[in-house]
């Protein structure tokens, strides 16, 4: 799975501008999470067409980058995410992003972004979705 990170100066209407740029390019948004950090906004998106999304965001003046994310399926109960995070700590692999993308029944899907994707996949092979 790929995800797009957008970094911009936080301001009123920013989410409207991002979503309008993607809509104009006929890009469907699967997930969109945004947080203000000081005067900046960091948004993380998954979409149906990454190439078109990156072009549309760049044309609209946004700084956007794409990175691989791995998806794991965990039991939806206390301590499960901590158990997986311990693996990354023990392997000294830094995580750039952690996002719950869906909860259904007794399971949760979590997207993980890291600079060492191949090693990360080996760590979570038993719970890996993609």
N, C-alpha and C. Protein backbone atom coordinates (compact mmCIF):
# COMPACT_ATOMS: atom_id res chain seq x y z
N UNK A 1 0.84 -1.17 0.00
CA UNK A 1 0.00 0.00 0.00
C UNK A 1 0.89 1.23 0.00
N UNK A 2 0.45 2.26 -0.68
CA UNK A 2 1.16 3.53 -0.66
C UNK A 2 0.31 4.56 0.05
N UNK A 3 0.97 5.52 0.67
CA UNK A 3 0.27 6.64 1.28
C UNK A 3 0.96 7.92 0.86
N UNK A 4 0.20 9.00 0.86
CA UNK A 4 0.71 10.31 0.47
C UNK A 4 0.71 11.20 1.70
N UNK A 5 1.82 11.88 1.92
CA UNK A 5 1.92 12.84 3.01
C UNK A 5 1.98 14.24 2.41
N UNK A 6 1.12 15.12 2.89
CA UNK A 6 1.09 16.52 2.47
C UNK A 6 1.48 17.37 3.66
N UNK A 7 2.43 18.27 3.45
CA UNK A 7 2.86 19.19 4.50
C UNK A 7 2.62 20.61 3.99
N UNK A 8 1.88 21.39 4.77
CA UNK A 8 1.54 22.75 4.35
C UNK A 8 1.40 23.65 5.58
N UNK A 9 1.44 24.94 5.35
CA UNK A 9 1.17 25.88 6.43
C UNK A 9 -0.29 25.75 6.81
N UNK A 10 -0.56 25.57 8.10
CA UNK A 10 -1.93 25.37 8.55
C UNK A 10 -2.72 26.67 8.38
N UNK A 11 -3.91 26.55 7.77
CA UNK A 11 -4.77 27.71 7.57
C UNK A 11 -6.20 27.23 7.35
N UNK A 12 -7.12 28.13 7.51
CA UNK A 12 -8.52 27.82 7.27
C UNK A 12 -8.72 27.45 5.80
N UNK A 13 -9.48 26.40 5.55
CA UNK A 13 -9.78 25.99 4.19
C UNK A 13 -8.78 25.06 3.55
N UNK A 14 -7.73 24.70 4.26
CA UNK A 14 -6.68 23.86 3.69
C UNK A 14 -7.22 22.49 3.25
N UNK A 15 -8.01 21.86 4.08
CA UNK A 15 -8.58 20.55 3.72
C UNK A 15 -9.47 20.68 2.49
N UNK A 16 -10.20 21.79 2.38
CA UNK A 16 -11.04 22.02 1.21
C UNK A 16 -10.19 22.14 -0.06
N UNK A 17 -9.05 22.81 0.04
CA UNK A 17 -8.16 22.96 -1.12
C UNK A 17 -7.57 21.62 -1.55
N UNK A 18 -7.14 20.83 -0.59
CA UNK A 18 -6.55 19.52 -0.90
C UNK A 18 -7.59 18.62 -1.55
N UNK A 19 -8.76 18.53 -0.94
CA UNK A 19 -9.79 17.65 -1.47
C UNK A 19 -10.31 18.13 -2.83
N UNK A 20 -10.37 19.45 -3.03
CA UNK A 20 -10.81 19.98 -4.32
C UNK A 20 -9.81 19.66 -5.42
N UNK A 21 -8.52 19.75 -5.11
CA UNK A 21 -7.49 19.42 -6.11
C UNK A 21 -7.60 17.96 -6.52
N UNK A 22 -7.85 17.08 -5.56
CA UNK A 22 -7.99 15.66 -5.88
C UNK A 22 -9.29 15.38 -6.63
N UNK A 23 -10.36 16.05 -6.24
CA UNK A 23 -11.64 15.86 -6.93
C UNK A 23 -11.53 16.30 -8.39
N UNK A 24 -10.85 17.42 -8.63
CA UNK A 24 -10.69 17.92 -10.00
C UNK A 24 -9.90 16.95 -10.87
N UNK A 25 -9.04 16.16 -10.24
CA UNK A 25 -8.26 15.16 -10.97
C UNK A 25 -8.95 13.80 -10.99
N UNK A 26 -10.19 13.75 -10.50
CA UNK A 26 -10.98 12.52 -10.46
C UNK A 26 -10.30 11.43 -9.62
N UNK A 27 -9.68 11.84 -8.52
CA UNK A 27 -9.01 10.93 -7.59
C UNK A 27 -9.94 10.69 -6.41
N UNK A 28 -10.19 9.43 -6.10
CA UNK A 28 -11.03 9.08 -4.97
C UNK A 28 -10.15 8.92 -3.73
N UNK A 29 -10.56 9.54 -2.63
CA UNK A 29 -9.82 9.46 -1.37
C UNK A 29 -10.35 8.26 -0.58
N UNK A 30 -9.43 7.37 -0.19
CA UNK A 30 -9.81 6.22 0.64
C UNK A 30 -9.75 6.59 2.13
N UNK A 31 -8.64 7.20 2.54
CA UNK A 31 -8.49 7.67 3.92
C UNK A 31 -7.79 9.01 3.91
N UNK A 32 -8.09 9.86 4.89
CA UNK A 32 -7.48 11.19 5.01
C UNK A 32 -7.42 11.53 6.49
N UNK A 33 -6.21 11.68 7.01
CA UNK A 33 -5.98 12.08 8.38
C UNK A 33 -5.13 13.33 8.36
N UNK A 34 -5.51 14.35 9.13
CA UNK A 34 -4.74 15.60 9.16
C UNK A 34 -4.58 16.07 10.60
N UNK A 35 -3.40 16.60 10.90
CA UNK A 35 -3.10 17.12 12.22
C UNK A 35 -2.34 18.42 12.08
N UNK A 36 -2.66 19.39 12.92
CA UNK A 36 -1.88 20.63 12.98
C UNK A 36 -0.75 20.42 13.98
N UNK A 37 0.44 20.79 13.56
CA UNK A 37 1.62 20.71 14.43
C UNK A 37 2.26 22.09 14.39
N UNK A 38 2.03 22.87 15.44
CA UNK A 38 2.49 24.26 15.42
C UNK A 38 1.76 24.99 14.31
N UNK A 39 2.52 25.60 13.42
CA UNK A 39 1.91 26.35 12.32
C UNK A 39 1.79 25.50 11.05
N UNK A 40 2.12 24.22 11.14
CA UNK A 40 2.07 23.34 9.96
C UNK A 40 0.93 22.34 10.08
N UNK A 41 0.46 21.88 8.93
CA UNK A 41 -0.52 20.80 8.85
C UNK A 41 0.17 19.64 8.15
N UNK A 42 0.02 18.47 8.73
CA UNK A 42 0.51 17.25 8.11
C UNK A 42 -0.70 16.38 7.84
N UNK A 43 -0.92 16.08 6.56
CA UNK A 43 -2.03 15.22 6.17
C UNK A 43 -1.51 13.94 5.56
N UNK A 44 -2.15 12.84 5.87
CA UNK A 44 -1.78 11.54 5.30
C UNK A 44 -3.01 10.98 4.61
N UNK A 45 -2.84 10.64 3.33
CA UNK A 45 -3.95 10.16 2.52
C UNK A 45 -3.62 8.83 1.86
N UNK A 46 -4.65 8.03 1.67
CA UNK A 46 -4.57 6.91 0.73
C UNK A 46 -5.63 7.19 -0.31
N UNK A 47 -5.31 6.91 -1.56
CA UNK A 47 -6.19 7.23 -2.68
C UNK A 47 -6.21 6.08 -3.68
N UNK A 48 -7.12 6.19 -4.64
CA UNK A 48 -7.22 5.12 -5.63
C UNK A 48 -6.21 5.25 -6.77
N UNK A 49 -5.65 6.45 -6.99
CA UNK A 49 -4.69 6.65 -8.07
C UNK A 49 -3.59 7.59 -7.59
N UNK A 50 -2.47 7.01 -7.17
CA UNK A 50 -1.40 7.80 -6.56
C UNK A 50 -0.71 8.73 -7.54
N UNK A 51 -0.46 8.30 -8.75
CA UNK A 51 0.22 9.15 -9.71
C UNK A 51 -0.59 10.40 -10.01
N UNK A 52 -1.87 10.23 -10.30
CA UNK A 52 -2.73 11.39 -10.57
C UNK A 52 -2.84 12.29 -9.34
N UNK A 53 -2.92 11.69 -8.16
CA UNK A 53 -3.02 12.47 -6.93
C UNK A 53 -1.77 13.31 -6.71
N UNK A 54 -0.61 12.71 -6.88
CA UNK A 54 0.64 13.46 -6.69
C UNK A 54 0.74 14.61 -7.69
N UNK A 55 0.37 14.36 -8.96
CA UNK A 55 0.40 15.42 -9.97
C UNK A 55 -0.58 16.54 -9.62
N UNK A 56 -1.78 16.18 -9.20
CA UNK A 56 -2.79 17.18 -8.87
C UNK A 56 -2.37 18.02 -7.67
N UNK A 57 -1.81 17.39 -6.67
CA UNK A 57 -1.38 18.13 -5.48
C UNK A 57 -0.21 19.06 -5.81
N UNK A 58 0.72 18.58 -6.62
CA UNK A 58 1.85 19.42 -7.03
C UNK A 58 1.36 20.61 -7.85
N UNK A 59 0.44 20.37 -8.76
CA UNK A 59 -0.10 21.45 -9.60
C UNK A 59 -0.83 22.49 -8.76
N UNK A 60 -1.41 22.07 -7.64
CA UNK A 60 -2.10 22.99 -6.74
C UNK A 60 -1.15 23.67 -5.76
N UNK A 61 0.15 23.37 -5.87
CA UNK A 61 1.16 24.03 -5.04
C UNK A 61 1.46 23.36 -3.72
N UNK A 62 1.04 22.11 -3.56
CA UNK A 62 1.29 21.41 -2.30
C UNK A 62 2.57 20.60 -2.36
N UNK A 63 3.27 20.53 -1.23
CA UNK A 63 4.42 19.64 -1.08
C UNK A 63 3.85 18.28 -0.67
N UNK A 64 3.97 17.30 -1.54
CA UNK A 64 3.41 15.98 -1.26
C UNK A 64 4.42 14.92 -1.62
N UNK A 65 4.49 13.89 -0.81
CA UNK A 65 5.38 12.78 -1.12
C UNK A 65 4.67 11.47 -0.83
N UNK A 66 5.08 10.46 -1.55
CA UNK A 66 4.46 9.15 -1.43
C UNK A 66 5.45 8.20 -0.79
N UNK A 67 4.94 7.33 0.05
CA UNK A 67 5.80 6.31 0.65
C UNK A 67 5.01 5.02 0.80
N UNK A 68 5.75 3.93 0.88
CA UNK A 68 5.13 2.63 1.10
C UNK A 68 4.68 2.53 2.55
N UNK A 69 3.56 1.86 2.75
CA UNK A 69 3.09 1.54 4.09
C UNK A 69 2.73 0.07 4.09
N UNK A 70 2.93 -0.55 5.22
CA UNK A 70 2.52 -1.94 5.35
C UNK A 70 1.27 -1.97 6.22
N UNK A 71 0.41 -2.93 5.96
CA UNK A 71 -0.84 -3.04 6.71
C UNK A 71 -0.82 -4.34 7.50
N UNK A 72 -1.11 -4.22 8.78
CA UNK A 72 -1.18 -5.39 9.64
C UNK A 72 -2.59 -5.51 10.21
N UNK A 73 -2.97 -6.75 10.50
CA UNK A 73 -4.27 -7.02 11.12
C UNK A 73 -4.01 -7.52 12.53
N UNK A 74 -4.59 -6.81 13.49
CA UNK A 74 -4.39 -7.14 14.90
C UNK A 74 -5.71 -7.46 15.57
N UNK A 75 -5.66 -8.23 16.63
CA UNK A 75 -6.84 -8.40 17.47
C UNK A 75 -7.14 -7.03 18.07
N UNK A 76 -8.39 -6.63 18.09
CA UNK A 76 -8.78 -5.32 18.62
C UNK A 76 -9.00 -5.44 20.12
N UNK A 77 -7.88 -5.45 20.83
CA UNK A 77 -7.93 -5.53 22.29
C UNK A 77 -6.71 -4.82 22.87
N UNK A 78 -6.79 -4.41 24.12
CA UNK A 78 -5.68 -3.68 24.72
C UNK A 78 -4.38 -4.46 24.68
N UNK A 79 -3.31 -3.79 24.32
CA UNK A 79 -1.97 -4.39 24.33
C UNK A 79 -1.50 -4.93 22.99
N UNK A 80 -2.40 -5.12 22.03
CA UNK A 80 -1.98 -5.71 20.75
C UNK A 80 -1.05 -4.78 19.97
N UNK A 81 -1.38 -3.51 19.90
CA UNK A 81 -0.50 -2.58 19.20
C UNK A 81 0.83 -2.47 19.93
N UNK A 82 0.81 -2.46 21.25
CA UNK A 82 2.04 -2.40 22.04
C UNK A 82 2.94 -3.61 21.76
N UNK A 83 2.33 -4.76 21.59
CA UNK A 83 3.09 -5.99 21.29
C UNK A 83 3.85 -5.85 19.98
N UNK A 84 3.18 -5.30 18.96
CA UNK A 84 3.83 -5.13 17.66
C UNK A 84 4.86 -4.00 17.72
N UNK A 85 4.55 -2.94 18.43
CA UNK A 85 5.49 -1.81 18.55
C UNK A 85 6.79 -2.24 19.23
N UNK A 86 6.70 -3.17 20.17
CA UNK A 86 7.88 -3.70 20.86
C UNK A 86 8.83 -4.34 19.84
N UNK A 87 8.30 -5.01 18.85
CA UNK A 87 9.15 -5.62 17.82
C UNK A 87 9.98 -4.56 17.10
N UNK A 88 9.34 -3.44 16.76
CA UNK A 88 10.05 -2.37 16.07
C UNK A 88 11.12 -1.76 16.98
N UNK A 89 10.78 -1.58 18.24
CA UNK A 89 11.75 -1.03 19.19
C UNK A 89 12.96 -1.97 19.31
N UNK A 90 12.69 -3.26 19.50
CA UNK A 90 13.77 -4.22 19.66
C UNK A 90 14.65 -4.32 18.42
N UNK A 91 14.07 -4.10 17.23
CA UNK A 91 14.83 -4.15 15.98
C UNK A 91 15.42 -2.79 15.62
N UNK A 92 15.17 -1.78 16.46
CA UNK A 92 15.67 -0.42 16.24
C UNK A 92 15.21 0.13 14.87
N UNK A 93 13.94 -0.10 14.55
CA UNK A 93 13.35 0.42 13.31
C UNK A 93 12.37 1.53 13.68
N UNK A 94 12.66 2.72 13.19
CA UNK A 94 11.82 3.88 13.46
C UNK A 94 10.56 3.85 12.60
N UNK A 95 9.44 4.16 13.21
CA UNK A 95 8.17 4.26 12.49
C UNK A 95 7.88 5.73 12.20
N UNK A 96 7.57 6.03 10.94
CA UNK A 96 7.21 7.40 10.57
C UNK A 96 5.74 7.68 10.80
N UNK A 97 4.92 6.64 10.63
CA UNK A 97 3.48 6.84 10.84
C UNK A 97 2.83 5.54 11.29
N UNK A 98 1.78 5.72 12.08
CA UNK A 98 0.96 4.60 12.57
C UNK A 98 -0.48 5.09 12.48
N UNK A 99 -1.32 4.38 11.72
CA UNK A 99 -2.71 4.80 11.57
C UNK A 99 -3.64 3.61 11.61
N UNK A 100 -4.63 3.68 12.47
CA UNK A 100 -5.71 2.71 12.43
C UNK A 100 -6.55 3.08 11.21
N UNK A 101 -6.72 2.14 10.29
CA UNK A 101 -7.49 2.46 9.09
C UNK A 101 -8.86 1.82 9.08
N UNK A 102 -9.07 0.77 9.89
CA UNK A 102 -10.40 0.17 9.96
C UNK A 102 -10.47 -0.75 11.16
N UNK A 103 -11.62 -0.72 11.80
CA UNK A 103 -11.93 -1.67 12.87
C UNK A 103 -13.22 -2.37 12.50
N UNK A 104 -13.18 -3.69 12.51
CA UNK A 104 -14.38 -4.48 12.23
C UNK A 104 -14.38 -5.69 13.13
N UNK A 105 -15.51 -5.93 13.76
CA UNK A 105 -15.59 -7.09 14.64
C UNK A 105 -14.54 -7.03 15.73
N UNK A 106 -13.71 -8.04 15.77
CA UNK A 106 -12.67 -8.12 16.80
C UNK A 106 -11.28 -7.84 16.26
N UNK A 107 -11.19 -7.27 15.04
CA UNK A 107 -9.89 -7.00 14.45
C UNK A 107 -9.75 -5.53 14.06
N UNK A 108 -8.52 -5.12 13.94
CA UNK A 108 -8.19 -3.76 13.51
C UNK A 108 -7.11 -3.84 12.44
N UNK A 109 -7.26 -3.02 11.40
CA UNK A 109 -6.22 -2.88 10.38
C UNK A 109 -5.44 -1.61 10.68
N UNK A 110 -4.11 -1.75 10.70
CA UNK A 110 -3.23 -0.64 11.04
C UNK A 110 -2.19 -0.49 9.94
N UNK A 111 -2.04 0.75 9.44
CA UNK A 111 -1.02 1.05 8.42
C UNK A 111 0.22 1.60 9.13
N UNK A 112 1.38 1.07 8.75
CA UNK A 112 2.65 1.46 9.36
C UNK A 112 3.59 1.95 8.27
N UNK A 113 4.16 3.13 8.47
CA UNK A 113 5.15 3.67 7.54
C UNK A 113 6.51 3.72 8.21
N UNK A 114 7.54 3.26 7.51
CA UNK A 114 8.89 3.23 8.04
C UNK A 114 9.89 3.38 6.91
N UNK A 115 11.09 3.81 7.23
CA UNK A 115 12.11 3.93 6.19
C UNK A 115 12.75 2.59 5.84
N UNK A 116 12.44 1.56 6.59
CA UNK A 116 13.03 0.23 6.35
C UNK A 116 11.92 -0.79 6.13
N UNK A 117 11.20 -0.62 5.03
CA UNK A 117 10.00 -1.41 4.75
C UNK A 117 10.27 -2.90 4.69
N UNK A 118 11.32 -3.31 3.99
CA UNK A 118 11.60 -4.76 3.86
C UNK A 118 11.84 -5.41 5.21
N UNK A 119 12.62 -4.75 6.05
CA UNK A 119 12.88 -5.29 7.39
C UNK A 119 11.61 -5.29 8.23
N UNK A 120 10.79 -4.25 8.08
CA UNK A 120 9.54 -4.15 8.83
C UNK A 120 8.60 -5.29 8.45
N UNK A 121 8.53 -5.59 7.16
CA UNK A 121 7.66 -6.69 6.71
C UNK A 121 8.09 -8.01 7.35
N UNK A 122 9.36 -8.23 7.46
CA UNK A 122 9.86 -9.46 8.09
C UNK A 122 9.46 -9.52 9.56
N UNK A 123 9.41 -8.37 10.23
CA UNK A 123 9.05 -8.33 11.65
C UNK A 123 7.58 -8.69 11.90
N UNK A 124 6.74 -8.38 10.95
CA UNK A 124 5.30 -8.53 11.17
C UNK A 124 4.66 -9.55 10.23
N UNK A 125 5.45 -10.45 9.72
CA UNK A 125 4.97 -11.43 8.75
C UNK A 125 3.74 -12.19 9.24
N UNK A 126 3.66 -12.45 10.53
CA UNK A 126 2.55 -13.22 11.09
C UNK A 126 1.22 -12.45 11.14
N UNK A 127 1.27 -11.12 11.01
CA UNK A 127 0.05 -10.30 11.05
C UNK A 127 -0.09 -9.43 9.81
N UNK A 128 0.76 -9.66 8.83
CA UNK A 128 0.81 -8.84 7.61
C UNK A 128 -0.42 -9.06 6.74
N UNK A 129 -0.99 -7.95 6.24
CA UNK A 129 -2.10 -8.02 5.29
C UNK A 129 -1.56 -7.74 3.89
N UNK A 130 -0.76 -6.67 3.76
CA UNK A 130 -0.18 -6.34 2.45
C UNK A 130 1.17 -5.70 2.62
